[in-house]
Protein backbone atom coordinates (compact mmCIF):
# COMPACT_ATOMS: atom_id res chain seq x y z
CA MET A 1 0.00 0.00 0.00
CA VAL A 2 1.42 3.38 -1.04
CA THR A 3 -0.05 6.70 0.07
CA TYR A 4 1.13 10.02 -1.29
CA GLY A 5 1.73 13.49 0.11
CA THR A 6 1.66 16.77 -1.74
CA VAL A 7 5.08 18.27 -1.09
CA PHE A 8 7.23 15.90 -3.17
CA GLU A 9 6.78 13.98 -6.39
CA ASP A 10 5.03 10.62 -6.09
CA ARG A 11 8.27 8.75 -6.80
CA GLN A 12 9.70 9.98 -3.47
CA TYR A 13 6.91 8.35 -1.45
CA ILE A 14 7.02 5.19 -3.56
CA ALA A 15 10.78 4.91 -3.02
CA ILE A 16 10.51 5.10 0.78
CA ALA A 17 7.70 2.53 0.96
CA ARG A 18 9.55 0.18 -1.38
CA ARG A 19 12.83 0.62 0.49
CA ALA A 20 11.20 -0.39 3.79
CA ALA A 21 9.47 -3.37 2.17
CA LYS A 22 12.74 -4.43 0.51
CA TYR A 23 14.65 -4.35 3.80
CA PHE A 24 11.91 -6.40 5.45
CA GLU A 25 11.88 -8.97 2.65
CA GLU A 26 15.67 -9.35 2.57
CA GLU A 27 16.60 -9.11 6.25
CA ALA A 28 13.57 -9.71 8.46
CA LYS A 29 13.69 -13.00 10.34
CA SER A 30 9.89 -13.21 10.44
CA TYR A 31 9.43 -12.80 6.68
CA ASP A 32 8.82 -16.53 6.12
CA ILE A 33 5.84 -16.57 8.49
CA PRO A 34 2.70 -16.78 6.27
CA LEU A 35 1.09 -13.41 5.51
CA ILE A 36 -2.58 -12.51 5.95
CA ILE A 37 -3.86 -9.09 4.86
CA ALA A 38 -6.54 -7.84 7.24
CA ASP A 39 -9.95 -6.98 5.79
CA GLY A 40 -9.83 -3.26 6.54
CA PRO A 41 -6.97 -0.75 6.26
CA ASP A 42 -5.59 0.17 9.70
CA ASP A 43 -7.79 -2.35 11.51
CA LEU A 44 -6.81 -2.53 15.18
CA TYR A 45 -8.00 -6.13 15.55
CA TYR A 46 -8.05 -9.26 13.43
CA ARG A 47 -10.82 -11.77 14.10
CA HIS A 48 -9.82 -15.38 13.58
CA THR A 49 -12.63 -17.92 13.32
CA LEU A 50 -12.02 -21.09 15.32
CA PHE A 51 -13.46 -24.31 13.91
CA LEU A 52 -13.73 -26.98 16.56
CA GLU A 53 -14.03 -30.74 16.17
CA THR A 54 -16.54 -31.74 13.51
CA LYS A 55 -19.25 -34.32 14.21
CA ALA A 56 -20.34 -35.88 10.93
CA THR A 57 -21.17 -39.58 11.23
CA GLN A 58 -22.82 -42.19 13.39
CA GLY A 59 -22.75 -45.94 13.19
CA ILE A 60 -25.75 -48.11 12.29
CA ALA A 61 -26.61 -51.79 12.66
CA ASP A 62 -28.36 -53.51 9.73
CA LYS A 63 -30.53 -50.94 7.95
CA TRP A 64 -29.95 -47.39 6.85
CA SER A 65 -31.88 -44.97 9.06
CA PRO A 66 -34.15 -42.27 7.64
CA GLN A 67 -33.05 -39.82 10.34
CA GLY A 68 -29.90 -39.17 12.33
CA GLU A 69 -27.79 -36.51 13.96
CA LYS A 70 -27.03 -33.52 11.75
CA ALA A 71 -23.39 -33.13 10.68
CA TRP A 72 -22.01 -29.90 12.09
CA THR A 73 -18.85 -28.06 13.04
CA PRO A 74 -19.03 -25.85 16.13
CA HIS A 75 -17.02 -22.66 15.90
CA GLY A 76 -16.06 -19.50 17.75
CA TYR A 77 -13.53 -16.71 17.29
CA THR A 78 -10.55 -14.95 18.83
CA ASP A 79 -9.63 -11.29 18.32
CA PHE A 80 -5.95 -10.41 17.93
CA TYR A 81 -4.66 -6.89 18.53
CA LEU A 82 -2.51 -5.44 15.74
CA GLY A 83 0.26 -3.15 16.92
CA GLY A 84 1.49 -0.05 15.12
CA LYS A 85 5.02 1.19 14.45
CA GLU A 86 5.79 4.79 13.47
CA MET A 87 8.73 6.52 11.81
CA HIS A 88 8.93 10.32 11.70
CA LEU A 89 11.06 12.11 9.13
CA HIS A 90 11.90 15.83 9.20
CA ILE A 91 13.09 17.33 5.92
CA PRO A 92 14.32 20.96 5.90
CA LYS A 93 12.10 23.13 3.69
CA GLY A 94 15.15 24.58 2.03
CA THR A 95 16.03 21.17 0.57
CA ILE A 96 12.65 20.35 -1.01
CA ASN A 97 13.78 21.22 -4.54
CA HIS A 98 16.92 19.13 -4.03
CA TYR A 99 14.93 15.90 -4.22
CA ASN A 100 14.32 15.17 -7.90
CA ASP A 101 14.80 12.32 -10.37
CA ARG A 102 18.29 11.44 -9.15
CA ASN A 103 18.07 12.47 -5.50
CA LEU A 104 15.77 10.37 -3.37
CA LEU A 105 14.55 10.96 0.16
CA ALA A 106 14.93 7.19 0.58
CA ASP A 107 18.69 7.50 0.07
CA LYS A 108 19.00 10.37 2.53
CA HIS A 109 17.05 8.50 5.22
CA ASP A 110 18.17 4.97 4.34
CA ALA A 111 19.40 4.09 7.86
CA ALA A 112 16.12 5.23 9.46
CA ILE A 113 14.05 3.29 6.91
CA LYS A 114 16.07 0.13 7.54
CA LYS A 115 15.63 0.50 11.32
CA PHE A 116 11.89 1.04 10.80
CA ALA A 117 11.57 -2.22 8.84
CA LEU A 118 13.67 -4.25 11.27
CA ASP A 119 11.86 -2.89 14.34
CA VAL A 120 8.66 -4.26 12.80
CA ASP A 121 10.46 -7.58 12.45
CA LEU A 122 11.53 -7.53 16.11
CA MET A 123 7.95 -6.67 17.13
CA ASN A 124 6.79 -9.86 15.43
CA PHE A 125 8.91 -11.85 17.90
CA ILE A 126 8.68 -9.98 21.20
CA GLY A 127 5.54 -7.85 20.86
CA ASN A 128 5.13 -4.11 20.50
CA TYR A 129 7.13 -1.67 22.61
CA ARG A 130 7.21 2.10 22.32
CA ASP A 131 10.99 1.83 21.89
CA GLN A 132 12.31 -1.57 20.81
CA ASP A 133 15.79 -0.61 22.09
CA ASP A 134 14.61 0.68 25.48
CA ARG A 135 11.71 -1.56 26.40
CA ASP A 136 9.98 0.39 29.13
CA THR A 137 6.49 0.73 27.60
CA TYR A 138 4.77 -2.39 26.28
CA PHE A 139 1.66 -2.16 24.12
CA ASP A 140 0.85 -5.91 24.11
CA ALA A 141 0.69 -6.75 20.42
CA GLY A 142 1.35 -10.44 20.65
CA GLY A 143 4.76 -11.62 19.54
CA LEU A 144 5.66 -15.20 18.70
CA LEU A 145 7.58 -15.77 21.94
CA ASN A 146 4.57 -14.83 24.07
CA GLN A 147 2.18 -17.18 22.28
CA ALA A 148 4.33 -20.28 21.68
CA THR A 149 4.17 -23.64 23.44
CA SER A 150 7.10 -24.13 25.82
CA VAL A 151 9.23 -27.27 25.44
CA ILE A 152 11.30 -28.32 28.46
CA ASP A 153 13.98 -30.95 29.12
CA LEU A 154 15.35 -31.04 25.57
CA ASN A 155 17.84 -33.81 26.40
CA GLY A 156 15.23 -35.82 28.30
CA THR A 157 16.32 -34.62 31.74
CA ASP A 158 17.03 -30.90 31.39
CA SER A 159 18.13 -28.47 28.67
CA ASN A 160 21.89 -28.65 29.14
CA LEU A 161 23.00 -29.46 25.59
CA ALA A 162 26.76 -29.64 26.13
CA THR A 163 26.84 -33.33 25.17
CA LYS A 164 27.29 -33.95 21.46
CA GLY A 165 24.06 -35.04 19.82
CA TYR A 166 21.83 -33.40 22.41
CA VAL A 167 20.88 -30.47 20.16
CA TRP A 168 19.73 -32.91 17.49
CA LYS A 169 17.81 -34.81 20.17
CA GLY A 170 16.19 -31.60 21.41
CA ILE A 171 15.13 -30.54 17.92
CA LYS A 172 13.55 -33.94 17.32
CA LYS A 173 11.65 -33.63 20.60
CA MET A 174 10.31 -30.23 19.54
CA ILE A 175 9.22 -31.61 16.17
CA LYS A 176 7.45 -34.51 17.83
CA ALA A 177 5.62 -32.05 20.10
CA VAL A 178 3.65 -30.96 17.02
CA PRO A 179 0.93 -33.53 16.25
CA PHE A 180 1.75 -35.67 13.21
CA ARG A 181 -1.33 -34.68 11.21
CA LYS A 182 -0.44 -30.98 11.52
CA ARG A 183 3.14 -31.55 10.36
CA GLU A 184 2.18 -33.93 7.59
CA SER A 185 -0.32 -31.55 5.96
CA SER A 186 1.78 -28.39 6.29
CA PRO A 187 4.77 -26.87 4.44
CA PRO A 188 8.28 -27.71 5.72
CA MET A 189 8.97 -26.25 9.16
CA LEU A 190 11.08 -23.22 10.06
CA LEU A 191 13.83 -23.76 12.63
CA TYR A 192 15.05 -20.67 14.51
CA MET A 193 18.33 -20.87 16.44
CA SER A 194 20.17 -18.23 18.45
CA GLU A 195 23.63 -17.22 17.26
CA ASN A 196 25.68 -18.78 20.06
CA LEU A 197 23.91 -22.12 19.56
CA VAL A 198 24.96 -22.20 15.91
CA ALA A 199 28.53 -21.32 16.89
CA ASN A 200 28.61 -24.29 19.27
CA LEU A 201 27.06 -26.62 16.70
CA THR A 202 29.67 -25.72 14.08
CA ALA A 203 32.72 -25.88 16.38
CA PRO A 204 35.37 -28.22 14.88
CA ASP A 205 35.19 -30.65 17.82
CA ARG A 206 31.37 -30.91 17.82
CA ILE A 207 31.37 -34.26 15.98
CA TYR A 208 28.29 -36.48 16.06
CA GLN A 209 27.73 -39.54 13.86
CA ASP A 210 31.05 -38.88 12.07
CA MET A 211 30.18 -35.31 11.07
CA LEU A 212 29.60 -31.88 12.57
CA GLU A 213 26.39 -31.97 14.55
CA MET A 214 25.03 -29.08 12.47
CA ASP A 215 25.64 -31.12 9.30
CA PHE A 216 23.91 -34.12 10.87
CA ILE A 217 20.90 -31.92 11.71
CA LYS A 218 20.75 -30.68 8.11
CA LYS A 219 21.09 -34.22 6.77
CA THR A 220 18.35 -35.79 8.89
CA PHE A 221 15.83 -32.93 8.86
CA ILE A 222 16.50 -31.02 5.62
CA THR A 223 18.10 -33.10 2.88
CA GLU A 224 16.90 -36.59 3.84
CA GLY A 225 14.04 -35.97 6.26
CA LEU A 226 10.61 -37.55 5.94
CA LYS A 227 7.87 -35.07 5.04
CA SER A 228 6.50 -35.10 8.57
CA LEU A 229 9.98 -34.28 9.94
CA LYS A 230 11.03 -31.88 7.21
CA ILE A 231 12.66 -28.56 8.05
CA GLY A 232 12.64 -26.16 5.14
CA LYS A 233 14.90 -23.45 6.51
CA ILE A 234 17.23 -22.74 9.43
CA ILE A 235 17.11 -19.09 10.54
CA VAL A 236 19.76 -17.69 12.86
CA THR A 237 18.60 -14.83 15.08
CA ASN A 238 18.92 -13.53 18.63
CA HIS A 239 15.36 -12.20 18.45
CA ILE A 240 14.33 -15.45 20.15
CA LEU A 241 16.35 -14.70 23.29
CA VAL A 242 14.18 -13.58 26.20
CA ASP A 243 14.99 -10.06 27.38
CA GLY A 244 15.97 -9.93 31.05
CA THR A 245 16.32 -13.73 31.27
CA ASP A 246 18.83 -14.83 28.64
CA THR A 247 22.40 -13.57 28.31
CA GLU A 248 23.65 -13.36 24.74
CA GLY A 249 26.64 -15.63 24.24
CA THR A 250 25.80 -17.70 27.32
CA HIS A 251 22.22 -18.87 26.93
CA ASP A 252 20.41 -20.04 23.83
CA ARG A 253 16.95 -20.82 22.51
CA ILE A 254 15.38 -22.82 19.71
CA MET A 255 12.01 -22.06 18.13
CA LEU A 256 10.19 -24.32 15.69
CA VAL A 257 7.39 -22.93 13.51
CA VAL A 258 5.01 -24.85 11.27
CA PRO A 259 4.34 -22.15 8.62
CA ALA A 260 0.69 -22.83 7.85
CA LYS A 261 -1.93 -20.06 7.96
CA GLU A 262 -4.35 -22.13 9.99
CA GLY A 263 -1.83 -22.12 12.83
CA VAL A 264 0.24 -18.94 12.64
CA ALA A 265 0.46 -15.84 10.45
CA ARG A 266 1.79 -12.33 10.11
CA VAL A 267 -1.42 -10.29 9.98
CA VAL A 268 -1.00 -6.82 8.47
CA SER A 269 -3.65 -4.11 8.21
CA ARG A 270 -1.24 -1.37 7.06
CA GLY A 271 1.93 -1.98 5.11
CA PHE A 272 4.85 0.45 5.16
CA SER A 273 3.14 3.67 4.12
CA LEU A 274 2.77 7.40 4.71
CA LEU A 275 0.36 8.35 7.49
CA ASP A 276 0.44 12.12 7.02
CA GLU A 277 2.62 15.01 5.96
CA GLU A 278 2.68 18.69 6.88
CA LYS A 279 4.87 21.74 6.60
CA ILE A 280 5.77 23.10 10.02
CA MET A 281 8.14 25.95 10.77
CA PHE A 282 11.36 25.10 8.98
CA ASN A 283 10.66 21.45 8.17
CA VAL A 284 8.42 19.08 6.29
CA HIS A 285 7.22 16.50 8.82
CA GLN A 286 6.37 13.04 7.48
CA ALA A 287 4.83 10.28 9.62
CA TRP A 288 5.15 6.74 8.28
CA GLY A 289 3.45 3.71 9.77
CA HIS A 290 3.02 -0.05 9.78
CA ARG A 291 0.33 -1.99 11.65
CA GLY A 292 0.32 -5.74 12.21
CA ALA A 293 1.32 -8.61 14.47
CA CYS A 294 2.32 -12.24 14.45
CA CYS A 295 -0.79 -14.14 15.53
CA VAL A 296 -0.65 -17.72 16.76
CA PHE A 297 -4.01 -19.34 16.16
CA ASP A 298 -2.91 -22.79 17.35
CA ALA A 299 -0.09 -22.85 19.91
CA GLU A 300 1.05 -26.30 18.75
CA PHE A 301 2.27 -24.72 15.51
CA VAL A 302 4.95 -22.72 17.39
CA GLN A 303 7.26 -24.60 19.78
CA PHE A 304 9.71 -22.63 21.93
CA SER A 305 12.46 -24.18 24.00
CA GLU A 306 13.21 -23.32 27.57
CA GLN A 307 16.57 -21.66 28.24
CA ILE A 308 19.46 -23.74 26.85
CA VAL A 309 22.71 -23.91 28.84
CA TRP A 310 26.08 -25.48 28.13
CA THR A 311 27.50 -26.26 31.59
């Protein structure tokens, strides 16, 4: 969605919106979560219809019966709040004519646009804060970590994964925590790992089954895995570390996502777009916004490990 102001040529607004979308597509760790576009622009809530267990048949003895129980599927709904992110740009009035065919506002404010896109990405994991870098005000817009199912005792006893092969064992336990029918009928799973975990898995002495443990994980779950155990992509990010609980470089986490819309989705009611623009004093003030959230409709589709330790 692109909205236009009146101060600059349309190409300036298009370039900023496209730049933000490009950064999100190329660098956001939540990009592979299925996308749902909300019904209305700027909707604050998304209503997800819940279909419960269907009752369709009944057994009979010898003869077919002229009457029976009606087949039906009970249902309800859950409303999910969609959080907003803002970016404010101030352009000196004296530079308005500077921005033409070859000079783009998007180039001048590239760093801010990138931060805007990646703050939306972080919001998809941890929820919506006024300031993603100084998390003192929380607006409660979901976040994958807050809605996932917790998996404990990855090695069978606890989540100390220092022993070679225990990470593979923990991943398999997380996969098995998702019911077979949900894995079998869905696209290949997404496996999120924190950075320090990957460093440990790829250490030269981390040999399991005659190969690096990371290579064994890729072999059994990516290249040779059964469909119901198939991982489509490994994504490395520290967004899955829990603020105030985990220490980067010491603790780790694993998150497994089954990327099917019936279980989890990125719901967006406003893409990266201009909210408003005005000339004030010496500047042109532009407000840009994005509204959405990662919504988990079925907690079994998102599995999140407890804190992983190495000693």
